[in-house]
Amino acid sequence: MPYVSPSPGDVHVSRPLTNISLAYMLDDSIFVADKVFPNIPVSKQSDAYFVYERGSWGRDDMRDRAPGTESTGSAYDVDQDTYYARVKALHKDIPDQVADNVDDPLNLDREATNFVTHKALLNREISWVNRYFKTGVWTFNADGVDAGATARAALNFEDAANNNVLKWSDAGSTPIEDVRLAATTVQQRTGFRPNVLVLARPVYDVLVDHPDIVARLDRGQTTGPAMASDLQQRTAGCGRCVQLHRRRRRGAVVLGSHPGPAHPVGWLHVQLDRAHRQH
């Protein structure tokens, strides 16, 4: 006699798995804004800070001193600049009726906290890209050209047309020399050698297969740390941040220090209220 009941569906009620769930969230380690510029803690939303003139410390003012005479005097200039920390906020509502009815393994408080925290990181990254990872912000730019590169002996701060380098996608380009030249140029003007390199992911992907990089490594294999060593820079990260509905295809190399005011400092405040929770 064939078996009729109960069927498998009659004896089982579907329940959510507790050991797996699917979501699309970027890993915190891919964000580079806080790796490029240090976070400066402040106690006030707006204030001033001192700026010492760079040239005052770089001039040679020492002179010979004859017996019985006063030594040569020198001085340095101190100016002030200001900052304003804009407050940005976002919340995720958790109505009490929903919170009281939630089933395991969902944890709405934890999920909402992760959600708004991730949004804060994403906003900071996009703000940094829009403000600093572009041309026209830095003291000088070195542009990639298809042919006729002009930047070989030194970078020219007065005429940007003399700062062209071959595009790194060209097998005949010289990315190691280009980065080293840019770093040396900054060092000669400021006394400090840049030690951070920021690359868009498409640029990084081209560089790891570049003949100059491959030729310097054993058996033609390359890694991020090895390439950073070749370029004599600490790689802050490869831009892999994903923003839906906006595609970024540009790559650039950022070297040196921004001459303007410090970037604003922001913070995230998460508050839980049982009557009406906001994250």
Protein backbone atom coordinates (compact mmCIF):
# COMPACT_ATOMS: atom_id res chain seq x y z
CA MET A 1 0.00 0.00 0.00
CA PRO A 2 1.55 3.38 -1.02
CA TYR A 3 2.42 5.84 1.71
CA VAL A 4 0.03 8.78 1.71
CA SER A 5 0.40 10.88 4.85
CA PRO A 6 1.81 12.70 6.63
CA SER A 7 3.92 14.19 3.84
CA PRO A 8 7.27 15.91 4.42
CA GLY A 9 5.49 19.25 4.13
CA ASP A 10 3.01 18.23 6.83
CA VAL A 11 5.69 17.53 9.42
CA HIS A 12 7.98 20.51 8.83
CA VAL A 13 7.54 24.24 9.29
CA SER A 14 10.16 26.31 7.46
CA ARG A 15 12.35 28.40 9.74
CA PRO A 16 15.18 30.82 8.91
CA LEU A 17 18.67 29.38 9.08
CA THR A 18 20.68 30.67 12.03
CA ASN A 19 24.14 30.03 10.56
CA ILE A 20 23.92 32.00 7.30
CA SER A 21 22.36 35.10 5.80
CA LEU A 22 23.09 37.01 2.59
CA ALA A 23 23.84 40.72 2.39
CA TYR A 24 26.03 43.06 0.34
CA MET A 25 28.22 45.06 2.72
CA LEU A 26 31.69 46.44 1.98
CA ASP A 27 34.49 45.46 4.32
CA ASP A 28 35.64 48.39 6.47
CA SER A 29 39.25 47.78 5.44
CA ILE A 30 38.68 48.94 1.84
CA PHE A 31 37.99 52.54 2.85
CA VAL A 32 41.11 54.70 2.54
CA ALA A 33 40.12 58.22 3.63
CA ASP A 34 41.36 57.75 7.21
CA LYS A 35 44.54 56.06 5.94
CA VAL A 36 45.46 59.00 3.71
CA PHE A 37 44.65 61.83 6.14
CA PRO A 38 44.96 61.31 9.90
CA ASN A 39 41.93 61.86 12.10
CA ILE A 40 42.43 64.85 14.40
CA PRO A 41 40.26 64.74 17.55
CA VAL A 42 38.79 68.10 18.57
CA SER A 43 36.68 69.22 21.52
CA LYS A 44 34.90 72.09 19.75
CA GLN A 45 32.92 72.10 16.52
CA SER A 46 34.82 75.14 15.27
CA ASP A 47 38.14 76.60 16.30
CA ALA A 48 41.51 77.84 15.07
CA TYR A 49 44.92 76.26 14.75
CA PHE A 50 48.42 77.64 14.25
CA VAL A 51 50.24 77.44 10.94
CA TYR A 52 54.00 77.98 10.81
CA GLU A 53 55.37 79.38 7.58
CA ARG A 54 57.25 76.65 5.74
CA GLY A 55 59.95 78.94 4.36
CA SER A 56 60.96 80.25 7.78
CA TRP A 57 62.38 76.88 8.78
CA GLY A 58 64.02 76.19 5.44
CA ARG A 59 66.19 79.29 5.16
CA ASP A 60 69.86 79.29 6.13
CA ASP A 61 70.18 82.34 8.41
CA MET A 62 73.36 81.38 10.24
CA ARG A 63 76.21 83.88 9.84
CA ASP A 64 79.78 84.26 11.07
CA ARG A 65 80.09 86.05 14.41
CA ALA A 66 83.00 88.31 15.19
CA PRO A 67 84.34 88.57 18.76
CA GLY A 68 82.32 90.94 20.95
CA THR A 69 79.43 91.24 18.49
CA GLU A 70 75.87 90.08 18.71
CA SER A 71 74.88 86.97 16.81
CA THR A 72 72.66 87.32 13.75
CA GLY A 73 69.00 87.25 14.66
CA SER A 74 66.31 85.28 12.93
CA ALA A 75 62.57 84.71 13.28
CA TYR A 76 59.69 82.67 12.02
CA ASP A 77 56.13 83.61 11.13
CA VAL A 78 53.07 82.10 12.78
CA ASP A 79 49.63 82.44 11.26
CA GLN A 80 46.22 80.99 12.08
CA ASP A 81 43.65 79.08 10.13
CA THR A 82 40.25 77.77 11.14
CA TYR A 83 38.20 74.62 10.82
CA TYR A 84 34.51 73.79 11.08
CA ALA A 85 33.36 70.24 11.76
CA ARG A 86 30.10 69.66 9.95
CA VAL A 87 27.77 67.23 11.68
CA LYS A 88 26.24 64.59 9.44
CA ALA A 89 23.62 62.15 10.64
CA LEU A 90 21.45 59.28 9.52
CA HIS A 91 19.04 57.05 11.40
CA LYS A 92 17.20 53.79 10.87
CA ASP A 93 13.83 53.52 12.60
CA ILE A 94 12.93 50.40 14.60
CA PRO A 95 9.26 50.62 15.63
CA ASP A 96 8.46 48.91 18.93
CA GLN A 97 5.81 46.75 17.31
CA VAL A 98 8.37 45.41 14.87
CA ALA A 99 11.08 44.99 17.53
CA ASP A 100 8.74 43.07 19.82
CA ASN A 101 7.70 40.74 17.02
CA VAL A 102 11.11 39.94 15.55
CA ASP A 103 12.21 36.32 15.30
CA ASP A 104 15.64 34.82 15.79
CA PRO A 105 18.23 35.13 14.38
CA LEU A 106 17.40 38.72 13.43
CA ASN A 107 18.87 41.40 15.70
CA LEU A 108 17.42 44.71 14.61
CA ASP A 109 19.52 46.86 16.95
CA ARG A 110 22.77 45.33 15.72
CA GLU A 111 21.71 45.44 12.08
CA ALA A 112 20.63 49.09 12.28
CA THR A 113 23.91 50.04 13.98
CA ASN A 114 25.93 48.27 11.27
CA PHE A 115 23.77 49.88 8.60
CA VAL A 116 24.20 53.51 9.66
CA THR A 117 27.89 52.99 10.54
CA HIS A 118 28.52 51.66 7.05
CA LYS A 119 26.67 54.64 5.58
CA ALA A 120 28.93 56.97 7.55
CA LEU A 121 32.06 55.28 6.20
CA LEU A 122 30.69 55.40 2.67
CA ASN A 123 29.84 59.10 2.93
CA ARG A 124 33.30 59.94 4.29
CA GLU A 125 34.96 58.03 1.47
CA ILE A 126 32.88 59.68 -1.25
CA SER A 127 33.46 63.11 0.29
CA TRP A 128 37.22 62.51 0.31
CA VAL A 129 37.23 61.36 -3.32
CA ASN A 130 35.19 64.35 -4.47
CA ARG A 131 37.37 66.86 -2.60
CA TYR A 132 40.89 65.49 -2.93
CA PHE A 133 41.19 62.63 -5.44
CA LYS A 134 41.02 64.92 -8.45
CA THR A 135 43.01 67.48 -10.41
CA GLY A 136 43.12 71.16 -9.54
CA VAL A 137 43.49 70.58 -5.79
CA TRP A 138 47.14 69.70 -5.46
CA THR A 139 50.18 71.90 -6.01
CA PHE A 140 50.94 70.13 -9.27
CA ASN A 141 49.59 67.32 -11.44
CA ALA A 142 51.33 64.86 -13.72
CA ASP A 143 49.02 63.87 -16.57
CA GLY A 144 49.17 60.68 -18.59
CA VAL A 145 49.57 61.02 -22.35
CA ASP A 146 49.64 58.53 -25.24
CA ALA A 147 52.93 59.85 -26.61
CA GLY A 148 55.43 62.69 -26.26
CA ALA A 149 55.94 62.58 -22.49
CA THR A 150 57.83 65.62 -21.19
CA ALA A 151 58.38 64.91 -17.47
CA ARG A 152 61.77 63.28 -17.28
CA ALA A 153 64.36 65.40 -15.44
CA ALA A 154 62.03 67.35 -13.13
CA LEU A 155 58.43 68.34 -12.67
CA ASN A 156 57.60 71.92 -13.58
CA PHE A 157 55.36 73.76 -11.12
CA GLU A 158 54.93 76.78 -13.36
CA ASP A 159 53.98 74.96 -16.57
CA ALA A 160 51.81 71.86 -16.19
CA ALA A 161 52.39 70.99 -19.85
CA ASN A 162 55.89 69.90 -18.86
CA ASN A 163 54.59 67.32 -16.40
CA ASN A 164 53.25 64.76 -18.86
CA VAL A 165 54.17 61.09 -18.44
CA LEU A 166 53.30 58.12 -20.60
CA LYS A 167 50.12 56.41 -19.50
CA TRP A 168 50.98 53.46 -17.27
CA SER A 169 48.89 51.23 -19.50
CA ASP A 170 51.64 51.73 -22.10
CA ALA A 171 54.27 48.99 -21.80
CA GLY A 172 56.94 51.59 -22.54
CA SER A 173 55.96 53.80 -19.60
CA THR A 174 58.07 54.10 -16.46
CA PRO A 175 55.76 54.09 -13.41
CA ILE A 176 58.52 53.43 -10.87
CA GLU A 177 60.59 56.34 -12.15
CA ASP A 178 57.50 58.56 -12.43
CA VAL A 179 56.48 58.03 -8.80
CA ARG A 180 60.04 58.39 -7.58
CA LEU A 181 60.44 61.64 -9.57
CA ALA A 182 57.22 63.07 -8.15
CA ALA A 183 58.23 62.15 -4.60
CA THR A 184 61.68 63.67 -5.04
CA THR A 185 60.18 66.86 -6.48
CA VAL A 186 57.91 67.24 -3.44
CA GLN A 187 60.84 66.55 -1.10
CA GLN A 188 62.97 69.22 -2.79
CA ARG A 189 60.24 71.83 -2.33
CA THR A 190 59.06 70.90 1.17
CA GLY A 191 61.82 68.89 2.84
CA PHE A 192 59.43 65.95 3.33
CA ARG A 193 59.27 62.87 1.16
CA PRO A 194 55.76 61.55 0.41
CA ASN A 195 55.28 58.02 1.68
CA VAL A 196 51.66 57.25 0.79
CA LEU A 197 50.35 56.18 -2.62
CA VAL A 198 46.64 56.02 -3.44
CA LEU A 199 45.56 54.17 -6.56
CA ALA A 200 42.20 53.60 -8.16
CA ARG A 201 41.69 49.87 -8.56
CA PRO A 202 41.91 49.90 -12.40
CA VAL A 203 45.29 51.65 -12.13
CA TYR A 204 46.53 49.11 -9.59
CA ASP A 205 45.42 46.24 -11.85
CA VAL A 206 47.46 47.71 -14.70
CA LEU A 207 50.53 48.23 -12.55
CA VAL A 208 50.72 44.68 -11.19
CA ASP A 209 51.19 43.45 -14.77
CA HIS A 210 53.47 46.26 -15.90
CA PRO A 211 56.77 44.96 -17.36
CA ASP A 212 58.85 47.19 -15.07
CA ILE A 213 57.15 45.80 -11.95
CA VAL A 214 57.21 42.20 -13.12
CA ALA A 215 60.87 42.40 -14.16
CA ARG A 216 61.92 43.44 -10.65
CA LEU A 217 60.35 40.45 -8.95
CA ASP A 218 61.39 36.84 -8.98
CA ARG A 219 59.65 34.60 -11.53
CA GLY A 220 57.43 37.44 -12.73
CA GLN A 221 55.11 37.40 -9.73
CA THR A 222 54.03 40.58 -7.98
CA THR A 223 52.08 41.46 -4.84
CA GLY A 224 50.83 44.65 -3.29
CA PRO A 225 53.60 44.96 -0.66
CA ALA A 226 56.30 44.10 -3.20
CA MET A 227 55.00 46.68 -5.66
CA ALA A 228 54.78 49.29 -2.91
CA SER A 229 58.41 48.55 -2.07
CA ASP A 230 59.40 49.06 -5.70
CA LEU A 231 57.58 52.38 -5.77
CA GLN A 232 59.13 53.33 -2.41
CA GLN A 233 55.71 54.23 -1.08
CA ARG A 234 53.36 52.86 1.55
CA THR A 235 50.19 51.87 -0.27
CA ALA A 236 47.29 53.32 1.69
CA GLY A 237 44.85 51.29 -0.34
CA CYS A 238 43.31 50.66 -3.68
CA GLY A 239 40.05 52.48 -4.21
CA ARG A 240 37.44 49.73 -4.24
CA CYS A 241 34.55 51.65 -2.70
CA VAL A 242 31.28 50.95 -4.51
CA GLN A 243 28.57 53.58 -4.72
CA LEU A 244 25.41 52.42 -6.41
CA HIS A 245 24.27 54.32 -9.50
CA ARG A 246 27.58 56.19 -9.81
CA ARG A 247 30.50 54.76 -11.72
CA ARG A 248 34.05 56.02 -11.34
CA ARG A 249 36.47 55.16 -14.10
CA ARG A 250 39.19 57.74 -13.47
CA GLY A 251 42.47 56.92 -11.80
CA ALA A 252 45.02 59.31 -10.40
CA VAL A 253 48.12 59.39 -8.30
CA VAL A 254 48.03 61.70 -5.31
CA LEU A 255 51.42 62.73 -3.91
CA GLY A 256 52.38 65.48 -1.51
CA SER A 257 50.33 67.39 1.01
CA HIS A 258 47.29 69.55 0.47
CA PRO A 259 48.15 73.22 1.06
CA GLY A 260 44.73 74.27 2.32
CA PRO A 261 42.94 73.98 5.69
CA ALA A 262 42.60 70.65 7.42
CA HIS A 263 39.67 68.56 6.33
CA PRO A 264 36.58 68.76 8.58
CA VAL A 265 36.27 66.33 11.44
CA GLY A 266 32.96 64.57 11.83
CA TRP A 267 31.54 62.00 14.18
CA LEU A 268 28.73 59.47 14.42
CA HIS A 269 26.35 59.27 17.34
CA VAL A 270 24.17 56.21 17.80
CA GLN A 271 21.31 56.51 20.24
CA LEU A 272 18.88 53.82 21.33
CA ASP A 273 15.52 54.81 22.74
CA ARG A 274 13.01 52.15 23.70
CA ALA A 275 10.01 54.34 22.99
CA HIS A 276 11.20 55.09 19.49
CA ARG A 277 14.57 53.73 18.46
CA GLN A 278 16.75 55.64 16.08
CA HIS A 279 20.10 54.51 14.71
